[in-house]
Amino acid sequence: MEQAIIHIFDENQRVYGTRKIKATLQKEGWIVSRRRIGRLMKKNGLVSAYTVSQYKPHKSPCNDSPIQNELNR
């Protein structure tokens, strides 16, 4: 099973984590917990690459148009 995890990890450009590896193993007929996969990955020094979320500013301002006095107050 350890070799299967390493193979799946390397086959997918070293970006698969425990969740995706578990799903792939389930398709192949293996029933393995994410904790066990994580332990085996740690034992073999496998760390998945991930992207850091980036700040995306909003283009539209909040109060672009003036508020109308609809109640004549």
Protein backbone atom coordinates (compact mmCIF):
# COMPACT_ATOMS: atom_id res chain seq x y z
CA MET A 1 0.00 0.00 0.00
CA GLU A 2 2.89 2.33 0.77
CA GLN A 3 4.17 1.95 -2.78
CA ALA A 4 0.68 2.69 -4.13
CA ILE A 5 0.55 5.96 -2.18
CA ILE A 6 3.99 7.00 -3.43
CA HIS A 7 3.01 6.08 -7.00
CA ILE A 8 -0.24 8.09 -6.85
CA PHE A 9 1.59 11.06 -5.32
CA ASP A 10 4.34 11.08 -7.97
CA GLU A 11 1.92 10.38 -10.82
CA ASN A 12 -0.05 13.54 -10.00
CA GLN A 13 2.82 16.05 -10.02
CA ARG A 14 3.29 15.79 -6.22
CA VAL A 15 0.19 17.91 -5.49
CA TYR A 16 -2.22 15.27 -4.12
CA GLY A 17 -2.89 15.35 -0.40
CA THR A 18 -4.49 12.75 1.84
CA ARG A 19 -8.05 13.44 0.65
CA LYS A 20 -7.35 12.99 -3.05
CA ILE A 21 -5.08 10.00 -2.44
CA LYS A 22 -7.83 8.39 -0.35
CA ALA A 23 -10.37 8.94 -3.14
CA THR A 24 -7.99 7.45 -5.71
CA LEU A 25 -7.28 4.42 -3.51
CA GLN A 26 -11.02 3.88 -3.00
CA LYS A 27 -11.50 3.75 -6.77
CA GLU A 28 -8.79 1.07 -6.89
CA GLY A 29 -10.52 -0.94 -4.16
CA TRP A 30 -8.42 -0.04 -1.10
CA ILE A 31 -10.06 1.07 2.14
CA VAL A 32 -7.59 3.27 4.00
CA SER A 33 -8.07 6.12 6.48
CA ARG A 34 -6.71 9.59 5.86
CA ARG A 35 -4.71 9.37 9.08
CA ARG A 36 -2.90 6.27 7.88
CA ILE A 37 -2.20 7.85 4.50
CA GLY A 38 -0.88 10.94 6.30
CA ARG A 39 1.42 8.84 8.48
CA LEU A 40 2.81 6.99 5.46
CA MET A 41 3.28 10.26 3.57
CA LYS A 42 5.14 11.76 6.54
CA LYS A 43 7.29 8.63 6.87
CA ASN A 44 8.35 8.93 3.21
CA GLY A 45 8.74 12.73 3.28
CA LEU A 46 5.87 13.40 0.88
CA VAL A 47 4.49 16.94 1.19
CA SER A 48 1.88 18.15 -1.26
CA ALA A 49 2.35 21.51 -2.98
CA TYR A 50 -0.48 23.96 -2.53
CA THR A 51 -1.27 27.49 -3.64
CA VAL A 52 -1.66 30.34 -1.19
CA SER A 53 -4.87 32.30 -1.59
CA GLN A 54 -4.33 35.83 -2.84
CA TYR A 55 -6.12 39.03 -1.94
CA LYS A 56 -8.51 40.19 -4.66
CA PRO A 57 -9.70 43.79 -4.23
CA HIS A 58 -13.27 44.63 -5.16
CA LYS A 59 -13.62 47.10 -8.01
CA SER A 60 -16.95 48.74 -7.11
CA PRO A 61 -17.14 51.15 -4.18
CA CYS A 62 -19.84 50.73 -1.54
CA ASN A 63 -21.84 53.98 -1.87
CA ASP A 64 -21.40 54.95 -5.48
CA SER A 65 -24.69 56.84 -5.88
CA PRO A 66 -26.19 59.21 -3.30
CA ILE A 67 -29.19 57.93 -1.36
CA GLN A 68 -32.47 59.63 -2.31
CA ASN A 69 -34.74 61.21 0.31
CA GLU A 70 -37.79 59.08 -0.43
CA LEU A 71 -39.68 59.83 2.79
CA ASN A 72 -39.15 63.65 2.70
CA ARG A 73 -37.59 63.80 6.11
